[in-house]
């Protein structure tokens, strides 16, 4: 039974010999790009839809798009920071 624990100790998330520390940065950046793209698309669509629904005109539409885009930037930054923290904890 002791031998089976040693064989199972090399599971995903543990350091493999020769694997670079922080090698998952590309994965974090790719996932962040995906989340940021979806957040921005949702922000633009929500601003357009709400401005159309409330008859705010072009200025109101652009204002809502800008406001929601700021929220999308905040969400993307928070996501990136949390993803980096999780990847760093898995690499140790």
N, C-alpha and C. Protein backbone atom coordinates (compact mmCIF):
# COMPACT_ATOMS: atom_id res chain seq x y z
N UNK A 1 0.81 -1.19 0.00
CA UNK A 1 0.00 0.00 0.00
C UNK A 1 0.85 1.26 0.00
N UNK A 2 2.03 1.22 0.62
CA UNK A 2 2.88 2.41 0.67
C UNK A 2 3.37 2.77 -0.72
N UNK A 3 3.61 1.79 -1.56
CA UNK A 3 4.07 2.06 -2.92
C UNK A 3 3.01 2.74 -3.76
N UNK A 4 1.72 2.44 -3.49
CA UNK A 4 0.66 3.07 -4.27
C UNK A 4 0.53 4.55 -3.93
N UNK A 5 0.87 4.94 -2.70
CA UNK A 5 0.82 6.34 -2.33
C UNK A 5 1.95 7.11 -3.01
N UNK A 6 3.10 6.50 -3.13
CA UNK A 6 4.20 7.16 -3.81
C UNK A 6 3.89 7.36 -5.29
N UNK A 7 3.30 6.36 -5.91
CA UNK A 7 2.97 6.48 -7.33
C UNK A 7 1.89 7.52 -7.54
N UNK A 8 0.99 7.70 -6.60
CA UNK A 8 -0.09 8.67 -6.73
C UNK A 8 0.30 10.06 -6.30
N UNK A 9 1.54 10.24 -5.82
CA UNK A 9 1.93 11.56 -5.35
C UNK A 9 2.19 12.54 -6.49
N UNK A 10 2.41 12.04 -7.70
CA UNK A 10 2.66 12.90 -8.84
C UNK A 10 1.34 13.18 -9.56
N UNK A 11 0.46 13.94 -8.93
CA UNK A 11 -0.85 14.25 -9.50
C UNK A 11 -0.80 15.63 -10.14
N UNK A 12 -1.84 15.93 -10.88
CA UNK A 12 -1.91 17.25 -11.53
C UNK A 12 -1.85 18.34 -10.48
N UNK A 13 -1.09 19.37 -10.76
CA UNK A 13 -0.94 20.48 -9.83
C UNK A 13 0.36 20.41 -9.04
N UNK A 14 0.96 19.23 -8.96
CA UNK A 14 2.23 19.14 -8.25
C UNK A 14 3.35 19.39 -9.25
N UNK A 15 4.49 19.83 -8.75
CA UNK A 15 5.61 20.13 -9.64
C UNK A 15 6.18 18.85 -10.22
N UNK A 16 6.39 18.86 -11.50
CA UNK A 16 7.00 17.75 -12.20
C UNK A 16 8.45 18.15 -12.45
N UNK A 17 9.34 17.19 -12.40
CA UNK A 17 10.75 17.48 -12.62
C UNK A 17 10.92 18.09 -14.00
N UNK A 18 11.57 19.24 -14.05
CA UNK A 18 11.81 19.92 -15.32
C UNK A 18 10.72 20.89 -15.72
N UNK A 19 9.58 20.92 -15.00
CA UNK A 19 8.51 21.86 -15.34
C UNK A 19 8.85 23.23 -14.78
N UNK A 20 8.73 24.26 -15.59
CA UNK A 20 9.06 25.60 -15.10
C UNK A 20 8.04 26.09 -14.08
N UNK A 21 8.54 26.78 -13.05
CA UNK A 21 7.62 27.37 -12.08
C UNK A 21 6.91 28.53 -12.74
N UNK A 22 5.64 28.64 -12.55
CA UNK A 22 4.87 29.69 -13.19
C UNK A 22 4.61 29.43 -14.66
N UNK A 23 4.67 28.19 -15.08
CA UNK A 23 4.46 27.84 -16.47
C UNK A 23 3.01 27.93 -16.90
N UNK A 24 2.13 28.24 -15.98
CA UNK A 24 0.71 28.31 -16.28
C UNK A 24 0.27 29.74 -16.56
N UNK A 25 1.21 30.65 -16.72
CA UNK A 25 0.87 32.05 -16.99
C UNK A 25 0.12 32.18 -18.31
N UNK A 26 0.50 31.41 -19.29
CA UNK A 26 -0.19 31.46 -20.58
C UNK A 26 -1.65 31.04 -20.43
N UNK A 27 -1.91 30.04 -19.60
CA UNK A 27 -3.28 29.60 -19.35
C UNK A 27 -4.08 30.69 -18.66
N UNK A 28 -3.48 31.34 -17.67
CA UNK A 28 -4.15 32.42 -16.95
C UNK A 28 -4.45 33.58 -17.90
N UNK A 29 -3.49 33.95 -18.72
CA UNK A 29 -3.71 35.05 -19.66
C UNK A 29 -4.78 34.70 -20.69
N UNK A 30 -4.79 33.48 -21.16
CA UNK A 30 -5.79 33.06 -22.14
C UNK A 30 -7.19 33.07 -21.53
N UNK A 31 -7.32 32.54 -20.32
CA UNK A 31 -8.62 32.54 -19.66
C UNK A 31 -9.08 33.95 -19.35
N UNK A 32 -8.16 34.81 -18.95
CA UNK A 32 -8.51 36.20 -18.67
C UNK A 32 -8.96 36.91 -19.94
N UNK A 33 -8.31 36.65 -21.06
CA UNK A 33 -8.72 37.26 -22.33
C UNK A 33 -10.13 36.82 -22.70
N UNK A 34 -10.44 35.56 -22.48
CA UNK A 34 -11.78 35.05 -22.77
C UNK A 34 -12.82 35.73 -21.88
N UNK A 35 -12.55 35.80 -20.58
CA UNK A 35 -13.49 36.41 -19.64
C UNK A 35 -13.65 37.89 -19.94
N UNK A 36 -12.55 38.58 -20.24
CA UNK A 36 -12.61 40.01 -20.53
C UNK A 36 -13.42 40.27 -21.80
N UNK A 37 -13.23 39.46 -22.82
CA UNK A 37 -13.98 39.62 -24.07
C UNK A 37 -15.47 39.45 -23.83
N UNK A 38 -15.84 38.43 -23.06
CA UNK A 38 -17.25 38.20 -22.76
C UNK A 38 -17.82 39.33 -21.91
N UNK A 39 -17.04 39.84 -20.97
CA UNK A 39 -17.51 40.93 -20.11
C UNK A 39 -17.72 42.20 -20.93
N UNK A 40 -16.79 42.51 -21.84
CA UNK A 40 -16.95 43.71 -22.67
C UNK A 40 -18.13 43.58 -23.63
N UNK A 41 -18.29 42.41 -24.22
CA UNK A 41 -19.42 42.20 -25.12
C UNK A 41 -20.74 42.36 -24.38
N UNK A 42 -20.80 41.83 -23.17
CA UNK A 42 -22.01 41.96 -22.36
C UNK A 42 -22.24 43.42 -21.97
N UNK A 43 -21.17 44.14 -21.65
CA UNK A 43 -21.29 45.55 -21.27
C UNK A 43 -21.83 46.38 -22.42
N UNK A 44 -21.29 46.18 -23.61
CA UNK A 44 -21.74 46.95 -24.76
C UNK A 44 -23.19 46.62 -25.10
N UNK A 45 -23.52 45.35 -25.08
CA UNK A 45 -24.89 44.94 -25.39
C UNK A 45 -25.88 45.45 -24.35
N UNK A 46 -25.50 45.41 -23.09
CA UNK A 46 -26.40 45.88 -22.03
C UNK A 46 -26.61 47.39 -22.13
N UNK A 47 -25.55 48.14 -22.40
CA UNK A 47 -25.69 49.59 -22.58
C UNK A 47 -26.58 49.93 -23.75
N UNK A 48 -26.39 49.25 -24.86
CA UNK A 48 -27.21 49.48 -26.04
C UNK A 48 -28.68 49.13 -25.77
N UNK A 49 -28.91 47.99 -25.13
CA UNK A 49 -30.28 47.54 -24.88
C UNK A 49 -31.01 48.44 -23.88
N UNK A 50 -30.33 48.81 -22.80
CA UNK A 50 -30.99 49.66 -21.81
C UNK A 50 -31.26 51.06 -22.36
N UNK A 51 -30.32 51.59 -23.12
CA UNK A 51 -30.53 52.91 -23.71
C UNK A 51 -31.69 52.88 -24.71
N UNK A 52 -31.79 51.82 -25.47
CA UNK A 52 -32.91 51.69 -26.39
C UNK A 52 -34.24 51.51 -25.68
N UNK A 53 -34.21 50.75 -24.59
CA UNK A 53 -35.43 50.51 -23.83
C UNK A 53 -35.94 51.77 -23.14
N UNK A 54 -35.00 52.59 -22.65
CA UNK A 54 -35.36 53.80 -21.92
C UNK A 54 -35.37 55.05 -22.80
N UNK A 55 -35.16 54.89 -24.11
CA UNK A 55 -35.13 56.00 -25.06
C UNK A 55 -34.18 57.11 -24.62
N UNK A 56 -32.94 56.75 -24.32
CA UNK A 56 -31.96 57.72 -23.84
C UNK A 56 -31.21 58.42 -24.97
N UNK A 57 -31.31 57.95 -26.15
CA UNK A 57 -30.61 58.57 -27.28
C UNK A 57 -29.16 58.12 -27.35
N UNK A 58 -28.44 58.74 -28.26
CA UNK A 58 -27.05 58.33 -28.50
C UNK A 58 -26.15 58.63 -27.31
N UNK A 59 -26.31 59.80 -26.70
CA UNK A 59 -25.45 60.18 -25.58
C UNK A 59 -25.68 59.24 -24.40
N UNK A 60 -26.93 58.94 -24.11
CA UNK A 60 -27.24 58.00 -23.03
C UNK A 60 -26.73 56.60 -23.32
N UNK A 61 -26.81 56.22 -24.58
CA UNK A 61 -26.32 54.91 -24.99
C UNK A 61 -24.81 54.80 -24.76
N UNK A 62 -24.07 55.81 -25.19
CA UNK A 62 -22.62 55.80 -25.02
C UNK A 62 -22.23 55.89 -23.55
N UNK A 63 -23.00 56.65 -22.78
CA UNK A 63 -22.72 56.77 -21.35
C UNK A 63 -22.91 55.43 -20.64
N UNK A 64 -24.00 54.74 -20.96
CA UNK A 64 -24.22 53.43 -20.34
C UNK A 64 -23.18 52.41 -20.80
N UNK A 65 -22.81 52.45 -22.07
CA UNK A 65 -21.77 51.54 -22.55
C UNK A 65 -20.46 51.80 -21.82
N UNK A 66 -20.11 53.06 -21.64
CA UNK A 66 -18.88 53.40 -20.91
C UNK A 66 -18.94 52.98 -19.46
N UNK A 67 -20.07 53.20 -18.81
CA UNK A 67 -20.23 52.80 -17.41
C UNK A 67 -20.11 51.29 -17.26
N UNK A 68 -20.80 50.57 -18.12
CA UNK A 68 -20.74 49.11 -18.04
C UNK A 68 -19.36 48.58 -18.45
N UNK A 69 -18.68 49.29 -19.33
CA UNK A 69 -17.32 48.89 -19.72
C UNK A 69 -16.36 49.02 -18.54
N UNK A 70 -16.56 50.06 -17.71
CA UNK A 70 -15.74 50.19 -16.51
C UNK A 70 -15.96 49.02 -15.55
N UNK A 71 -17.20 48.59 -15.44
CA UNK A 71 -17.50 47.41 -14.62
C UNK A 71 -16.82 46.18 -15.21
N UNK A 72 -16.82 46.06 -16.53
CA UNK A 72 -16.18 44.93 -17.20
C UNK A 72 -14.67 44.93 -16.95
N UNK A 73 -14.05 46.12 -16.95
CA UNK A 73 -12.62 46.21 -16.66
C UNK A 73 -12.35 45.75 -15.23
N UNK A 74 -13.18 46.19 -14.29
CA UNK A 74 -13.02 45.79 -12.90
C UNK A 74 -13.16 44.28 -12.74
N UNK A 75 -14.17 43.70 -13.37
CA UNK A 75 -14.38 42.25 -13.29
C UNK A 75 -13.19 41.51 -13.88
N UNK A 76 -12.65 42.00 -14.98
CA UNK A 76 -11.51 41.34 -15.62
C UNK A 76 -10.26 41.40 -14.74
N UNK A 77 -10.03 42.53 -14.09
CA UNK A 77 -8.88 42.67 -13.19
C UNK A 77 -9.01 41.75 -11.99
N UNK A 78 -10.20 41.70 -11.40
CA UNK A 78 -10.43 40.83 -10.24
C UNK A 78 -10.23 39.37 -10.65
N UNK A 79 -10.76 39.00 -11.81
CA UNK A 79 -10.60 37.63 -12.29
C UNK A 79 -9.13 37.28 -12.48
N UNK A 80 -8.37 38.18 -13.11
CA UNK A 80 -6.95 37.92 -13.35
C UNK A 80 -6.20 37.74 -12.04
N UNK A 81 -6.44 38.61 -11.08
CA UNK A 81 -5.74 38.51 -9.79
C UNK A 81 -6.05 37.20 -9.08
N UNK A 82 -7.32 36.81 -9.09
CA UNK A 82 -7.69 35.56 -8.43
C UNK A 82 -7.13 34.34 -9.16
N UNK A 83 -7.11 34.39 -10.49
CA UNK A 83 -6.56 33.27 -11.25
C UNK A 83 -5.07 33.12 -11.01
N UNK A 84 -4.35 34.24 -10.95
CA UNK A 84 -2.91 34.17 -10.67
C UNK A 84 -2.68 33.61 -9.28
N UNK A 85 -3.49 34.03 -8.31
CA UNK A 85 -3.33 33.53 -6.94
C UNK A 85 -3.59 32.03 -6.86
N UNK A 86 -4.60 31.56 -7.56
CA UNK A 86 -4.91 30.12 -7.55
C UNK A 86 -3.81 29.33 -8.24
N UNK A 87 -3.33 29.80 -9.37
CA UNK A 87 -2.26 29.10 -10.07
C UNK A 87 -0.98 29.07 -9.25
N UNK A 88 -0.71 30.16 -8.54
CA UNK A 88 0.49 30.18 -7.69
C UNK A 88 0.36 29.20 -6.54
N UNK A 89 -0.83 29.05 -6.00
CA UNK A 89 -1.02 28.11 -4.90
C UNK A 89 -0.94 26.67 -5.38
N UNK A 90 -1.32 26.41 -6.62
CA UNK A 90 -1.24 25.06 -7.16
C UNK A 90 0.18 24.67 -7.52
N UNK A 91 1.02 25.64 -7.85
CA UNK A 91 2.38 25.36 -8.29
C UNK A 91 3.32 25.04 -7.13
N UNK A 92 2.91 25.35 -5.93
CA UNK A 92 3.79 25.13 -4.78
C UNK A 92 3.76 23.70 -4.35
